[in-house]
Amino acid sequence: MNLHLLKIYVCAVEENSFTKAAEQLGISQPAVSKAVRELEAQLDTLLLERQGKYFKPNEAGQVLFDYGKSLFAMEREASEVLRAFKNLERGRLIVGASTTVASYWLAPYLKKFSDKYPGIEVQVVGANTENVAQLLLDCKVDVALVEGEVVDERIETRLWRTEEMVAIAPSFENGARKRELEQQVWILREQGSGSRNVAEQLLQNMGIQAQRTLEMNSNEAIIQAVAAGCGVGIVPKITARDQLALRRVKRFALGSGKMERPLFRLRLPHRPLSNAALAFEALLGAPKH
């Protein structure tokens, strides 16, 4: 069925006049009459009962009119919805973020985004770096922010920002010499975590071979375990600041320099971003290469 002809037919029936339909559609009255005849020929069905210059739809014509009216109403509604998506008046954004990013870094950006685009529904999915990367590959998140660099040729990794790492021990612990540190229980994040990779790299750089380890699935759990005297750990400073202020844990130096790690933005190079994702990435700031 030719939808252009159907639209002319629906307009003619709605206006109850070929002339008024022509004016509304911006075409000539003969063009309207011709379109209705062509539609009847195409369907091999008479649609109108004609009495001189007057007409009304017959039973088949009324059924087609009702369907056509609903169809074009849905078309208008779909156009309005798509316009709203384009203008960021509505839509959905799913942000995948590794644990520390989701817990400590995202909130200010989410606030700015929600204030600017109140019609966009936002969902944050927290997981470790490895799992966030997989969610991106599965197209289950629109934006991905992680703590560890991802080595996968399908994923583009860009530096977003850096954060300071600190080595922490129980507040009552005194020794921090290399030999004593090697004998300590090192409390680490689970495999696949960016924090775990950074901690292991820092220990390797210091020549420290951890003889005993304890694995936890969050930085907060590591900090609590350290405070309880279970061992020592390396965590993002932002996650330990409250416990450091309360002196339940204390910092100790690993080497002479400041310990920092990069935070990354992940992208699939060949996957176009939605308008909502582009707007959120703009709030994050220009990526660093």
Protein backbone atom coordinates (compact mmCIF):
# COMPACT_ATOMS: atom_id res chain seq x y z
CA MET A 1 0.00 0.00 0.00
CA ASN A 2 1.27 3.43 -0.96
CA LEU A 3 1.41 5.44 2.28
CA HIS A 4 1.53 8.74 0.42
CA LEU A 5 -1.81 7.94 -1.23
CA LEU A 6 -3.18 6.73 2.11
CA LYS A 7 -2.23 10.02 3.78
CA ILE A 8 -4.09 12.00 1.11
CA TYR A 9 -7.13 9.72 1.49
CA VAL A 10 -7.17 10.07 5.29
CA CYS A 11 -6.90 13.85 5.04
CA ALA A 12 -9.75 14.00 2.49
CA VAL A 13 -12.06 11.92 4.68
CA GLU A 14 -11.06 13.84 7.80
CA GLU A 15 -11.80 17.18 6.13
CA ASN A 16 -14.85 15.75 4.33
CA SER A 17 -13.68 17.74 1.31
CA PHE A 18 -11.17 17.23 -1.49
CA THR A 19 -10.74 21.00 -1.70
CA LYS A 20 -9.94 21.47 1.99
CA ALA A 21 -7.62 18.43 1.91
CA ALA A 22 -5.80 19.97 -1.07
CA GLU A 23 -5.35 23.24 0.82
CA GLN A 24 -4.03 21.47 3.90
CA LEU A 25 -1.64 19.26 1.93
CA GLY A 26 -0.49 22.04 -0.38
CA ILE A 27 -1.52 20.26 -3.57
CA SER A 28 -4.30 20.76 -6.13
CA GLN A 29 -7.83 19.45 -5.75
CA PRO A 30 -7.51 17.27 -8.90
CA ALA A 31 -4.36 15.74 -7.37
CA VAL A 32 -6.39 14.70 -4.32
CA SER A 33 -9.11 13.14 -6.49
CA LYS A 34 -6.48 11.31 -8.55
CA ALA A 35 -4.71 9.99 -5.43
CA VAL A 36 -7.95 8.57 -4.02
CA ARG A 37 -8.76 6.85 -7.34
CA GLU A 38 -5.23 5.43 -7.51
CA LEU A 39 -5.53 4.07 -3.97
CA GLU A 40 -8.86 2.41 -4.81
CA ALA A 41 -7.30 0.90 -7.93
CA GLN A 42 -4.28 -0.31 -5.99
CA LEU A 43 -6.49 -1.97 -3.37
CA ASP A 44 -9.07 -3.08 -5.98
CA THR A 45 -11.73 -1.78 -3.58
CA LEU A 46 -14.10 1.18 -3.68
CA LEU A 47 -13.59 3.33 -0.60
CA LEU A 48 -16.02 6.21 -1.10
CA GLU A 49 -19.69 6.56 -1.89
CA ARG A 50 -19.90 9.54 -4.25
CA GLN A 51 -22.97 11.69 -4.75
CA GLY A 52 -22.08 14.54 -7.06
CA LYS A 53 -19.46 16.65 -5.33
CA TYR A 54 -20.20 15.04 -1.97
CA PHE A 55 -18.78 11.78 -0.67
CA LYS A 56 -18.56 9.63 2.41
CA PRO A 57 -16.51 6.50 3.15
CA ASN A 58 -18.24 3.18 2.70
CA GLU A 59 -17.70 0.37 5.20
CA ALA A 60 -14.32 -0.62 3.74
CA GLY A 61 -13.35 3.03 3.41
CA GLN A 62 -14.21 3.70 7.07
CA VAL A 63 -12.08 0.76 8.23
CA LEU A 64 -9.15 1.97 6.13
CA PHE A 65 -9.64 5.53 7.41
CA ASP A 66 -9.55 4.34 11.05
CA TYR A 67 -6.37 2.34 10.46
CA GLY A 68 -4.76 5.15 8.50
CA LYS A 69 -5.61 7.75 11.14
CA SER A 70 -4.05 5.55 13.85
CA LEU A 71 -1.00 4.90 11.68
CA PHE A 72 -0.26 8.57 11.05
CA ALA A 73 -0.95 9.45 14.67
CA MET A 74 1.72 6.91 15.63
CA GLU A 75 4.01 8.41 13.00
CA ARG A 76 3.61 11.86 14.57
CA GLU A 77 4.14 10.46 18.04
CA ALA A 78 7.28 8.62 16.93
CA SER A 79 8.61 11.80 15.36
CA GLU A 80 8.00 13.70 18.59
CA VAL A 81 9.74 11.02 20.64
CA LEU A 82 12.75 10.97 18.32
CA ARG A 83 12.91 14.76 18.41
CA ALA A 84 12.93 14.57 22.22
CA PHE A 85 15.77 12.05 22.13
CA LYS A 86 17.72 14.24 19.73
CA ASN A 87 17.21 17.31 21.91
CA LEU A 88 18.06 15.35 25.09
CA GLU A 89 14.60 15.94 26.52
CA ARG A 90 14.23 12.23 27.19
CA GLY A 91 16.26 9.04 26.90
CA ARG A 92 18.46 6.74 28.92
CA LEU A 93 22.16 6.67 29.74
CA ILE A 94 23.98 3.69 31.27
CA VAL A 95 27.39 4.42 32.75
CA GLY A 96 29.70 1.52 33.52
CA ALA A 97 32.28 2.40 36.16
CA SER A 98 34.83 0.48 38.16
CA THR A 99 34.32 0.49 41.89
CA THR A 100 36.28 3.54 43.02
CA VAL A 101 35.11 5.65 40.09
CA ALA A 102 31.46 4.75 40.75
CA SER A 103 31.74 5.35 44.49
CA TYR A 104 33.88 8.49 44.64
CA TRP A 105 34.41 10.28 41.32
CA LEU A 106 31.12 10.09 39.43
CA ALA A 107 28.72 11.96 41.72
CA PRO A 108 29.64 15.55 40.69
CA TYR A 109 29.35 14.68 37.00
CA LEU A 110 26.02 12.91 37.52
CA LYS A 111 24.70 15.98 39.36
CA LYS A 112 25.73 18.32 36.53
CA PHE A 113 24.24 16.00 33.92
CA SER A 114 20.93 15.56 35.75
CA ASP A 115 20.61 19.30 36.31
CA LYS A 116 21.24 20.00 32.63
CA TYR A 117 19.21 17.12 31.20
CA PRO A 118 16.47 16.25 33.74
CA GLY A 119 14.57 14.12 31.23
CA ILE A 120 17.39 11.62 30.79
CA GLU A 121 17.21 8.53 33.00
CA VAL A 122 20.70 7.60 34.24
CA GLN A 123 21.84 4.21 35.51
CA VAL A 124 25.29 3.46 36.93
CA VAL A 125 26.61 -0.10 36.77
CA GLY A 126 29.55 -0.68 39.12
CA ALA A 127 32.00 -3.55 38.58
CA ASN A 128 35.74 -4.14 38.43
CA THR A 129 37.73 -2.97 35.40
CA GLU A 130 37.64 -6.32 33.62
CA ASN A 131 33.88 -6.63 33.94
CA VAL A 132 33.23 -3.02 32.88
CA ALA A 133 35.28 -3.64 29.74
CA GLN A 134 33.17 -6.72 28.99
CA LEU A 135 29.94 -4.77 29.53
CA LEU A 136 31.18 -2.24 26.97
CA LEU A 137 32.00 -4.98 24.47
CA ASP A 138 28.52 -6.42 25.01
CA CYS A 139 27.04 -2.94 24.38
CA LYS A 140 25.38 -3.02 27.81
CA VAL A 141 26.81 0.36 28.85
CA ASP A 142 27.06 3.63 26.92
CA VAL A 143 30.03 5.17 28.76
CA ALA A 144 32.81 3.26 30.53
CA LEU A 145 35.22 4.64 33.15
CA VAL A 146 37.79 2.36 34.78
CA GLU A 147 40.78 2.31 37.10
CA GLY A 148 43.02 0.00 35.13
CA GLU A 149 44.26 0.08 31.55
CA VAL A 150 42.52 -2.43 29.32
CA VAL A 151 44.60 -4.24 26.74
CA ASP A 152 42.12 -5.26 24.05
CA GLU A 153 42.44 -4.30 20.39
CA ARG A 154 38.66 -3.87 20.19
CA ILE A 155 38.67 -1.16 22.87
CA GLU A 156 40.10 2.34 22.68
CA THR A 157 41.61 3.42 26.02
CA ARG A 158 42.12 7.10 26.83
CA LEU A 159 43.48 8.76 29.95
CA TRP A 160 40.73 10.58 31.84
CA ARG A 161 42.42 11.72 35.07
CA THR A 162 44.81 10.53 37.78
CA GLU A 163 44.28 9.75 41.44
CA GLU A 164 46.68 9.39 44.36
CA MET A 165 47.31 5.99 45.94
CA VAL A 166 48.41 5.52 49.56
CA ALA A 167 49.94 2.64 51.49
CA ILE A 168 48.13 2.13 54.78
CA ALA A 169 48.85 0.20 57.96
CA PRO A 170 47.05 -0.18 61.30
CA SER A 171 47.44 2.94 63.43
CA PHE A 172 49.31 0.91 66.08
CA GLU A 173 51.84 -0.56 63.62
CA ASN A 174 55.37 0.84 63.82
CA GLY A 175 57.65 -0.90 61.36
CA ALA A 176 57.67 -0.15 57.64
CA ARG A 177 61.07 -1.45 56.59
CA LYS A 178 61.30 -3.57 53.47
CA ARG A 179 61.89 -6.85 55.28
CA GLU A 180 59.04 -6.18 57.66
CA LEU A 181 56.78 -5.26 54.74
CA GLU A 182 57.58 -8.52 52.97
CA GLN A 183 56.52 -10.39 56.08
CA GLN A 184 53.27 -8.47 56.38
CA VAL A 185 49.97 -9.75 55.09
CA TRP A 186 49.19 -7.63 52.01
CA ILE A 187 45.48 -7.07 51.59
CA LEU A 188 44.66 -6.77 47.90
CA ARG A 189 41.63 -6.39 45.64
CA GLU A 190 40.35 -9.30 43.58
CA GLN A 191 41.88 -10.34 40.26
CA GLY A 192 40.58 -8.18 37.41
CA SER A 193 40.54 -5.04 39.57
CA GLY A 194 42.53 -2.00 38.47
CA SER A 195 43.49 -1.38 42.12
CA ARG A 196 44.97 -4.89 42.33
CA ASN A 197 47.08 -4.34 39.23
CA VAL A 198 48.38 -0.99 40.51
CA ALA A 199 49.22 -2.39 43.96
CA GLU A 200 51.10 -5.33 42.49
CA GLN A 201 53.02 -3.03 40.14
CA LEU A 202 54.01 -0.71 43.02
CA LEU A 203 55.23 -3.62 45.11
CA GLN A 204 57.21 -4.95 42.17
CA ASN A 205 58.77 -1.52 41.61
CA MET A 206 59.85 -1.46 45.26
CA GLY A 207 61.26 -4.97 45.06
CA ILE A 208 58.81 -6.17 47.71
CA GLN A 209 57.77 -9.80 47.40
CA ALA A 210 54.57 -10.27 49.34
CA GLN A 211 54.75 -13.66 51.02
CA ARG A 212 51.19 -13.62 52.33
CA THR A 213 48.11 -11.98 50.82
CA LEU A 214 44.46 -11.55 51.71
CA GLU A 215 41.95 -10.80 48.97
CA MET A 216 39.00 -8.41 49.36
CA ASN A 217 36.42 -7.31 46.80
CA SER A 218 36.38 -3.59 47.69
CA ASN A 219 38.75 -0.87 48.87
CA GLU A 220 36.49 -0.18 51.83
CA ALA A 221 36.83 -3.80 52.95
CA ILE A 222 40.62 -3.51 52.65
CA ILE A 223 40.66 -0.36 54.81
CA GLN A 224 38.51 -1.98 57.50
CA ALA A 225 40.70 -5.08 57.49
CA VAL A 226 43.82 -2.93 57.83
CA ALA A 227 42.23 -0.98 60.71
CA ALA A 228 41.48 -4.29 62.44
CA GLY A 229 45.13 -5.30 62.19
CA CYS A 230 44.79 -7.94 59.48
CA GLY A 231 47.67 -6.52 57.44
CA VAL A 232 48.64 -3.60 55.21
CA GLY A 233 47.35 -2.41 51.85
CA ILE A 234 47.49 0.07 49.02
CA VAL A 235 44.27 1.94 48.23
CA PRO A 236 43.17 5.14 46.50
CA LYS A 237 43.66 8.03 48.91
CA ILE A 238 40.10 9.22 48.35
CA THR A 239 38.75 5.95 49.76
CA ALA A 240 40.84 6.13 52.95
CA ARG A 241 40.57 9.80 53.87
CA ASP A 242 37.90 9.34 56.56
CA GLN A 243 39.73 6.49 58.30
CA LEU A 244 43.01 8.42 58.04
CA ALA A 245 41.34 11.44 59.64
CA LEU A 246 39.97 9.25 62.42
CA ARG A 247 43.46 7.72 62.82
CA ARG A 248 42.13 4.19 62.53
CA VAL A 249 44.77 3.64 59.84
CA LYS A 250 47.94 5.53 58.99
CA ARG A 251 49.96 6.16 55.86
CA PHE A 252 53.45 4.89 55.33
CA ALA A 253 55.86 5.64 52.51
CA LEU A 254 56.59 3.23 49.69
CA GLY A 255 59.55 4.90 48.01
CA SER A 256 60.19 8.61 47.87
CA GLY A 257 57.70 9.81 45.29
CA LYS A 258 53.98 10.37 45.15
CA MET A 259 52.03 7.27 44.15
CA GLU A 260 49.46 7.95 41.44
CA ARG A 261 47.46 5.87 39.04
CA PRO A 262 45.57 6.79 35.87
CA LEU A 263 41.83 6.50 35.42
CA PHE A 264 40.65 5.70 31.90
CA ARG A 265 37.74 6.20 29.56
CA LEU A 266 36.95 3.25 27.32
CA ARG A 267 35.32 3.35 23.90
CA LEU A 268 34.46 1.03 21.05
CA PRO A 269 35.91 2.91 18.02
CA HIS A 270 33.25 1.75 15.58
CA ARG A 271 30.23 2.16 17.86
CA PRO A 272 28.46 5.53 17.48
CA LEU A 273 27.58 7.19 20.77
CA SER A 274 24.05 8.31 21.58
CA ASN A 275 23.39 12.01 22.06
CA ALA A 276 23.09 11.39 25.81
CA ALA A 277 26.46 9.61 25.91
CA LEU A 278 28.11 12.40 23.92
CA ALA A 279 26.67 15.00 26.30
CA PHE A 280 27.92 13.09 29.35
CA GLU A 281 31.39 12.65 27.89
CA ALA A 282 31.49 16.38 27.19
CA LEU A 283 30.89 17.02 30.90
CA LEU A 284 33.76 14.67 31.77
CA GLY A 285 36.13 16.96 29.90
CA ALA A 286 38.34 16.42 26.89
CA PRO A 287 40.10 13.03 27.04
CA LYS A 288 43.88 13.05 27.36
CA HIS A 289 45.90 10.89 24.99
